[in-house]
Amino acid sequence: MIDTLLDSLAHALMITGFVFGMMLVIEYLNVLTQGVWQRGLSGSRWQQYLLAVLLGVTPGCLGAFAVVSLYSHRVVSLGAVVAAMVATSGDEAFVMLSMIPETALWVFLLLLVIGLLAGVLTDLLAGPGRGGCEMEGGGMLYHEQETCNCFPRGMILEQWRHCSLARAVLMLVLSLFALGLGAGRLGPAEWSWLRVTLLLTTSVGLFIVATVPDHFLKEHLWQHVARVHVPKIFLWTFGAILLMHVLLTYLNLGDWIADNPLLLVVLACVVGLVPESGPHLVFLTLYAQGVVPFSVLLASSIVQDGHGMLPLLAESRLDFFRVKGINFIVGVVVGLVGILMGW
């Protein structure tokens, strides 16, 4: 049991470290590209669908938040929101990239195509006038980014002379993670493209933490990424990996799963209705261990959207349940078809 705990802990640390580095990069790029997605999503209906799924398939919840925000301002249609939510996997996308990188790319591609089709069909069935929800005050914007100089050349040395606790902690954590990867204590034991990717991502994260201004580091990297997302990802990942070890080793759950694939697709879609990052990791871990088929992973990815729908839940419960219902139907249909096709 001790070996199981240590093995689960090592895997969880490796996955969380990679996710942390990727989230730093995404947050950094999100600020650098401020306003680009807003201009694109205000174009034609087809342009909305395409950019909505591209934002949705981007790892993390920021793209989904952007689409919901513009929907609240009547800029995009209900179909665009459905497209984005089908395409998004929230923070779990980072975990998929670390656990099953090659399969994750196929999942993202399929989610993009399925999301595009689901968005178009939603607007065709709902009618052309469905564009924006009724909200007091016209809704609100989520994750708006103020203008920020992400690389203040003349201030970098001064920032290090008065190094904040947040910068020191983030640098220490990322440095220890990089040393663990380099020594083979975390991640792949042998040098491979995955190990190189992990080190490169961590190196970029170190550069970002070392150079961004104090305001950006505190508000975006420390408050948003390190304090909010990383602890949840570690706990969910560690818990899911440990739970799967116990269930598959001591309860022989694998036989029941093999005998009930259709029921498992529906169960994965039901769990995906929860607007929370984490529950999806159970099915991701089962797939990574070869216990469930690809169709279960795909169905779960279609329905779940991390925290992407929380802003819509806060503003319009009717539209929240409408989008979730559509995505649930799409997920069940695709999952069952996949099972019948032998995926």
Protein backbone atom coordinates (compact mmCIF):
# COMPACT_ATOMS: atom_id res chain seq x y z
CA MET A 1 0.00 0.00 0.00
CA ILE A 2 2.92 2.34 0.74
CA ASP A 3 4.32 1.70 -2.74
CA THR A 4 0.90 2.53 -4.22
CA LEU A 5 0.78 5.81 -2.30
CA LEU A 6 4.29 6.81 -3.36
CA ASP A 7 3.67 5.86 -6.98
CA SER A 8 0.40 7.82 -7.03
CA LEU A 9 2.11 10.80 -5.40
CA ALA A 10 4.96 10.81 -7.93
CA HIS A 11 2.52 10.68 -10.86
CA ALA A 12 0.36 13.42 -9.36
CA LEU A 13 3.39 15.69 -8.80
CA MET A 14 4.61 15.17 -12.36
CA ILE A 15 1.19 15.87 -13.86
CA THR A 16 0.55 18.90 -11.62
CA GLY A 17 3.97 20.35 -12.41
CA PHE A 18 3.37 20.08 -16.15
CA VAL A 19 -0.13 21.53 -15.80
CA PHE A 20 1.26 24.42 -13.74
CA GLY A 21 3.86 25.24 -16.38
CA MET A 22 1.30 25.06 -19.20
CA MET A 23 -1.14 27.27 -17.30
CA LEU A 24 1.57 29.90 -16.80
CA VAL A 25 2.21 29.93 -20.55
CA ILE A 26 -1.52 30.14 -21.41
CA GLU A 27 -2.09 32.95 -18.90
CA TYR A 28 0.92 34.81 -20.34
CA LEU A 29 -0.31 34.44 -23.93
CA ASN A 30 -3.84 35.41 -22.92
CA VAL A 31 -2.62 38.82 -21.75
CA LEU A 32 -0.32 39.31 -24.74
CA THR A 33 -3.19 38.65 -27.20
CA GLN A 34 -5.78 40.78 -25.40
CA GLY A 35 -8.71 41.70 -27.62
CA VAL A 36 -7.86 39.48 -30.61
CA TRP A 37 -10.58 36.90 -29.87
CA GLN A 38 -13.14 39.65 -29.19
CA ARG A 39 -12.72 41.12 -32.66
CA GLY A 40 -12.86 37.70 -34.30
CA LEU A 41 -15.99 36.54 -32.49
CA SER A 42 -17.94 39.62 -33.56
CA GLY A 43 -17.78 38.52 -37.20
CA SER A 44 -20.05 36.26 -39.26
CA ARG A 45 -21.92 33.29 -37.77
CA TRP A 46 -19.50 30.75 -39.28
CA GLN A 47 -16.56 32.79 -38.03
CA GLN A 48 -18.14 32.72 -34.57
CA TYR A 49 -18.45 28.92 -34.64
CA LEU A 50 -14.87 28.43 -35.78
CA LEU A 51 -13.31 30.79 -33.27
CA ALA A 52 -15.60 29.50 -30.50
CA VAL A 53 -14.36 25.92 -30.93
CA LEU A 54 -10.76 27.11 -31.22
CA LEU A 55 -11.12 29.04 -27.96
CA GLY A 56 -12.89 26.07 -26.40
CA VAL A 57 -10.26 23.52 -27.36
CA THR A 58 -7.53 25.73 -25.90
CA PRO A 59 -6.50 24.12 -22.57
CA GLY A 60 -7.96 25.84 -19.51
CA CYS A 61 -11.18 27.76 -18.93
CA LEU A 62 -10.23 31.19 -20.29
CA GLY A 63 -11.47 30.52 -23.81
CA ALA A 64 -14.80 29.23 -22.53
CA PHE A 65 -15.14 32.26 -20.25
CA ALA A 66 -14.54 34.54 -23.23
CA VAL A 67 -17.33 32.94 -25.28
CA VAL A 68 -19.80 33.08 -22.35
CA SER A 69 -18.90 36.71 -21.76
CA LEU A 70 -19.62 37.66 -25.37
CA TYR A 71 -22.83 35.62 -25.34
CA SER A 72 -24.00 37.67 -22.36
CA HIS A 73 -23.39 40.79 -24.47
CA ARG A 74 -25.39 39.38 -27.42
CA VAL A 75 -22.28 39.22 -29.59
CA VAL A 76 -22.40 35.46 -30.30
CA SER A 77 -25.22 32.93 -30.62
CA LEU A 78 -26.30 30.06 -28.39
CA GLY A 79 -24.79 27.69 -30.96
CA ALA A 80 -21.39 29.33 -30.49
CA VAL A 81 -21.60 28.66 -26.73
CA VAL A 82 -22.56 25.02 -27.36
CA ALA A 83 -19.66 24.69 -29.81
CA ALA A 84 -17.19 26.10 -27.29
CA MET A 85 -18.46 23.93 -24.42
CA VAL A 86 -18.35 20.74 -26.49
CA ALA A 87 -14.79 21.58 -27.54
CA THR A 88 -13.48 22.55 -24.10
CA SER A 89 -12.16 20.16 -21.47
CA GLY A 90 -11.14 22.87 -19.03
CA ASP A 91 -8.07 22.24 -16.91
CA GLU A 92 -8.33 18.51 -17.61
CA ALA A 93 -6.94 19.23 -21.08
CA PHE A 94 -3.57 19.97 -19.46
CA VAL A 95 -3.72 16.66 -17.60
CA MET A 96 -4.59 14.77 -20.79
CA LEU A 97 -1.56 16.30 -22.49
CA SER A 98 0.67 15.04 -19.69
CA MET A 99 -0.84 11.55 -19.31
CA ILE A 100 -1.80 10.62 -22.89
CA PRO A 101 -0.27 13.31 -25.14
CA GLU A 102 -0.77 11.62 -28.52
CA THR A 103 -4.33 10.53 -27.74
CA ALA A 104 -5.09 13.99 -26.33
CA LEU A 105 -4.39 15.60 -29.70
CA TRP A 106 -6.89 13.26 -31.36
CA VAL A 107 -9.44 14.04 -28.64
CA PHE A 108 -8.99 17.78 -29.20
CA LEU A 109 -9.36 17.39 -32.97
CA LEU A 110 -12.56 15.35 -32.60
CA LEU A 111 -13.96 17.79 -30.03
CA LEU A 112 -13.30 20.65 -32.43
CA VAL A 113 -15.21 18.93 -35.27
CA ILE A 114 -18.06 17.70 -33.05
CA GLY A 115 -18.35 21.12 -31.39
CA LEU A 116 -18.55 22.86 -34.76
CA LEU A 117 -21.33 20.53 -35.94
CA ALA A 118 -23.21 20.78 -32.63
CA GLY A 119 -23.08 24.58 -32.72
CA VAL A 120 -24.43 24.78 -36.25
CA LEU A 121 -27.26 22.33 -35.52
CA THR A 122 -28.18 24.17 -32.32
CA ASP A 123 -28.73 27.46 -34.11
CA LEU A 124 -30.58 25.75 -36.96
CA LEU A 125 -33.00 24.15 -34.50
CA ALA A 126 -33.23 27.10 -32.08
CA GLY A 127 -33.76 29.70 -34.81
CA PRO A 128 -31.60 32.58 -36.04
CA GLY A 129 -32.85 35.01 -33.41
CA ARG A 130 -31.26 33.15 -30.52
CA GLY A 131 -28.21 35.28 -29.74
CA GLY A 132 -27.50 36.35 -26.21
CA CYS A 133 -29.25 35.80 -22.88
CA GLU A 134 -31.40 38.13 -20.86
CA MET A 135 -29.24 39.55 -18.07
CA GLU A 136 -29.50 42.56 -15.86
CA GLY A 137 -27.02 45.24 -16.82
CA GLY A 138 -26.11 43.48 -20.06
CA GLY A 139 -24.01 40.83 -18.32
CA MET A 140 -20.41 41.09 -17.25
CA LEU A 141 -17.01 40.30 -18.69
CA TYR A 142 -14.91 37.54 -17.20
CA HIS A 143 -11.14 37.50 -17.05
CA GLU A 144 -10.80 40.88 -18.69
CA GLN A 145 -7.14 41.73 -18.93
CA GLU A 146 -5.78 45.18 -18.36
CA THR A 147 -2.97 46.48 -20.54
CA CYS A 148 0.23 44.92 -19.23
CA ASN A 149 3.87 45.06 -20.30
CA CYS A 150 4.79 41.42 -19.81
CA PHE A 151 8.51 41.99 -20.36
CA PRO A 152 9.55 45.29 -18.68
CA ARG A 153 13.23 45.35 -19.68
CA GLY A 154 14.29 48.21 -17.47
CA MET A 155 12.53 46.83 -14.39
CA ILE A 156 13.56 43.17 -14.32
CA LEU A 157 16.74 43.62 -12.26
CA GLU A 158 14.96 46.01 -9.91
CA GLN A 159 12.21 43.45 -9.38
CA TRP A 160 14.80 40.86 -8.39
CA ARG A 161 16.50 43.27 -5.99
CA HIS A 162 13.15 43.52 -4.20
CA CYS A 163 12.01 39.99 -4.93
CA SER A 164 8.50 39.28 -3.66
CA LEU A 165 7.64 36.13 -1.71
CA ALA A 166 5.33 34.96 -4.50
CA ARG A 167 8.11 35.19 -7.13
CA ALA A 168 10.58 33.40 -4.88
CA VAL A 169 8.15 30.57 -4.11
CA LEU A 170 7.18 30.07 -7.76
CA MET A 171 10.83 30.09 -8.89
CA LEU A 172 11.75 27.56 -6.19
CA VAL A 173 8.88 25.22 -7.02
CA LEU A 174 9.55 25.30 -10.77
CA SER A 175 13.31 24.88 -10.24
CA LEU A 176 12.81 21.83 -8.01
CA PHE A 177 10.39 20.37 -10.55
CA ALA A 178 12.93 20.90 -13.35
CA LEU A 179 15.66 19.22 -11.26
CA GLY A 180 13.34 16.30 -10.56
CA LEU A 181 12.67 15.89 -14.27
CA GLY A 182 16.34 16.17 -15.19
CA ALA A 183 17.35 13.59 -12.57
CA GLY A 184 14.59 11.19 -13.59
CA ARG A 185 12.86 11.37 -10.21
CA LEU A 186 9.69 12.72 -11.84
CA GLY A 187 8.21 11.89 -15.22
CA PRO A 188 9.76 9.41 -17.69
CA ALA A 189 12.81 7.56 -16.37
CA GLU A 190 14.49 7.65 -19.80
CA TRP A 191 15.13 10.61 -22.07
CA SER A 192 12.32 10.91 -24.60
CA TRP A 193 10.32 13.58 -26.43
CA LEU A 194 7.91 13.66 -23.48
CA ARG A 195 10.69 14.34 -21.00
CA VAL A 196 12.14 17.05 -23.25
CA THR A 197 8.67 18.63 -23.62
CA LEU A 198 8.21 18.67 -19.85
CA LEU A 199 11.58 20.36 -19.37
CA LEU A 200 10.96 22.91 -22.13
CA THR A 201 7.55 23.81 -20.69
CA THR A 202 9.06 24.21 -17.23
CA SER A 203 11.88 26.35 -18.64
CA VAL A 204 9.39 28.67 -20.32
CA GLY A 205 7.50 28.87 -17.04
CA LEU A 206 10.71 29.84 -15.24
CA PHE A 207 11.36 32.58 -17.81
CA ILE A 208 7.84 33.95 -17.37
CA VAL A 209 8.05 33.99 -13.57
CA ALA A 210 11.51 35.56 -13.68
CA THR A 211 10.59 38.42 -16.01
CA VAL A 212 6.94 39.44 -15.63
CA PRO A 213 6.14 42.57 -13.57
CA ASP A 214 5.04 42.17 -9.95
CA HIS A 215 1.42 43.07 -10.69
CA PHE A 216 1.12 40.42 -13.41
CA LEU A 217 2.82 37.83 -11.23
CA LYS A 218 0.62 38.50 -8.20
CA GLU A 219 -2.75 38.90 -9.92
CA HIS A 220 -2.43 36.34 -12.71
CA LEU A 221 0.19 33.73 -11.82
CA TRP A 222 -0.01 33.65 -8.03
CA GLN A 223 -3.63 34.50 -7.21
CA HIS A 224 -5.24 32.89 -10.25
CA VAL A 225 -3.04 29.94 -11.23
CA ALA A 226 -0.98 28.92 -8.20
CA ARG A 227 -3.54 29.46 -5.42
CA VAL A 228 -6.80 28.61 -7.20
CA HIS A 229 -6.10 25.96 -9.85
CA VAL A 230 -2.94 24.06 -8.86
CA PRO A 231 -4.07 22.74 -5.43
CA LYS A 232 -7.35 21.45 -6.90
CA ILE A 233 -5.58 19.80 -9.82
CA PHE A 234 -3.09 18.07 -7.53
CA LEU A 235 -5.75 16.81 -5.11
CA TRP A 236 -8.07 15.59 -7.87
CA THR A 237 -5.21 13.95 -9.79
CA PHE A 238 -3.71 12.27 -6.73
CA GLY A 239 -7.14 11.14 -5.55
CA ALA A 240 -8.16 9.77 -8.96
CA ILE A 241 -4.91 7.86 -9.49
CA LEU A 242 -4.98 6.42 -5.97
CA LEU A 243 -8.67 5.51 -6.24
CA MET A 244 -8.12 3.69 -9.53
CA HIS A 245 -5.19 1.75 -8.06
CA VAL A 246 -7.34 0.60 -5.15
CA LEU A 247 -10.44 -0.23 -7.22
CA LEU A 248 -8.59 -2.12 -9.94
CA THR A 249 -6.21 -3.94 -7.58
CA TYR A 250 -8.43 -4.84 -4.64
CA LEU A 251 -12.02 -4.74 -5.97
CA ASN A 252 -11.45 -6.13 -9.48
CA LEU A 253 -13.49 -3.31 -10.99
CA GLY A 254 -12.02 -3.96 -14.42
CA ASP A 255 -14.29 -6.96 -15.07
CA TRP A 256 -17.46 -4.98 -14.30
CA ILE A 257 -16.34 -2.12 -16.54
CA ALA A 258 -15.59 -4.50 -19.40
CA ASP A 259 -19.09 -5.98 -19.11
CA ASN A 260 -20.95 -2.62 -18.98
CA PRO A 261 -19.43 -0.20 -21.54
CA LEU A 262 -22.77 1.37 -22.54
CA LEU A 263 -23.67 2.10 -18.93
CA LEU A 264 -20.23 3.58 -18.39
CA VAL A 265 -20.75 6.02 -21.30
CA VAL A 266 -23.96 7.30 -19.71
CA LEU A 267 -22.29 7.49 -16.28
CA ALA A 268 -19.38 9.48 -17.74
CA CYS A 269 -21.83 11.94 -19.32
CA VAL A 270 -23.79 12.30 -16.07
CA VAL A 271 -20.59 13.09 -14.17
CA GLY A 272 -19.69 15.55 -16.94
CA LEU A 273 -22.76 17.63 -16.05
CA VAL A 274 -21.01 18.78 -12.86
CA PRO A 275 -19.55 22.28 -13.56
CA GLU A 276 -16.28 21.49 -11.81
CA SER A 277 -12.75 20.62 -12.86
CA GLY A 278 -11.76 17.23 -11.49
CA PRO A 279 -14.43 14.49 -11.78
CA HIS A 280 -13.48 13.86 -15.42
CA LEU A 281 -10.04 12.72 -14.22
CA VAL A 282 -11.55 9.45 -12.99
CA PHE A 283 -12.44 8.43 -16.56
CA LEU A 284 -9.19 9.85 -17.92
CA THR A 285 -7.23 7.73 -15.45
CA LEU A 286 -9.28 4.64 -16.33
CA TYR A 287 -8.55 5.20 -20.03
CA ALA A 288 -4.84 5.81 -19.42
CA GLN A 289 -4.67 2.47 -17.59
CA GLY A 290 -6.41 0.68 -20.48
CA VAL A 291 -9.57 -0.11 -18.52
CA VAL A 292 -12.20 1.83 -20.51
CA PRO A 293 -12.46 2.35 -24.29
CA PHE A 294 -11.76 5.59 -26.12
CA SER A 295 -15.47 6.31 -26.59
CA VAL A 296 -15.95 6.74 -22.82
CA LEU A 297 -13.13 9.28 -22.66
CA LEU A 298 -14.52 11.15 -25.68
CA ALA A 299 -18.09 11.21 -24.31
CA SER A 300 -16.86 12.52 -20.96
CA SER A 301 -14.76 15.19 -22.69
CA ILE A 302 -17.76 16.36 -24.74
CA VAL A 303 -20.08 16.87 -21.76
CA GLN A 304 -17.69 18.20 -19.12
CA ASP A 305 -16.34 21.72 -19.49
CA GLY A 306 -14.41 22.39 -16.28
CA HIS A 307 -15.39 25.76 -14.83
CA GLY A 308 -16.33 27.13 -18.25
CA MET A 309 -20.08 27.19 -17.57
CA LEU A 310 -20.00 28.72 -14.09
CA PRO A 311 -20.34 32.32 -15.35
CA LEU A 312 -23.44 31.34 -17.34
CA LEU A 313 -24.89 29.52 -14.32
CA ALA A 314 -24.49 32.70 -12.29
CA GLU A 315 -26.21 34.86 -14.91
CA SER A 316 -28.82 32.67 -16.66
CA ARG A 317 -29.76 29.30 -15.19
CA LEU A 318 -32.13 28.61 -18.12
CA ASP A 319 -29.36 28.94 -20.68
CA PHE A 320 -26.98 26.98 -18.43
CA PHE A 321 -29.31 23.97 -18.35
CA ARG A 322 -30.10 24.38 -22.06
CA VAL A 323 -26.42 24.20 -23.06
CA LYS A 324 -25.67 21.40 -20.60
CA GLY A 325 -28.66 19.41 -21.89
CA ILE A 326 -27.54 19.75 -25.50
CA ASN A 327 -23.99 18.73 -24.65
CA PHE A 328 -25.24 15.75 -22.64
CA ILE A 329 -27.26 14.49 -25.62
CA VAL A 330 -24.29 14.97 -27.96
CA GLY A 331 -21.96 13.17 -25.55
CA VAL A 332 -24.28 10.17 -25.08
CA VAL A 333 -24.95 9.82 -28.81
CA VAL A 334 -21.27 10.05 -29.78
CA GLY A 335 -20.23 7.72 -26.95
CA LEU A 336 -22.81 5.05 -27.80
CA VAL A 337 -21.98 5.23 -31.51
CA GLY A 338 -18.32 4.87 -30.61
CA ILE A 339 -19.02 1.77 -28.52
CA LEU A 340 -21.01 0.20 -31.37
CA MET A 341 -18.14 0.99 -33.79
CA GLY A 342 -15.64 -0.67 -31.46
CA TRP A 343 -13.78 2.45 -30.31
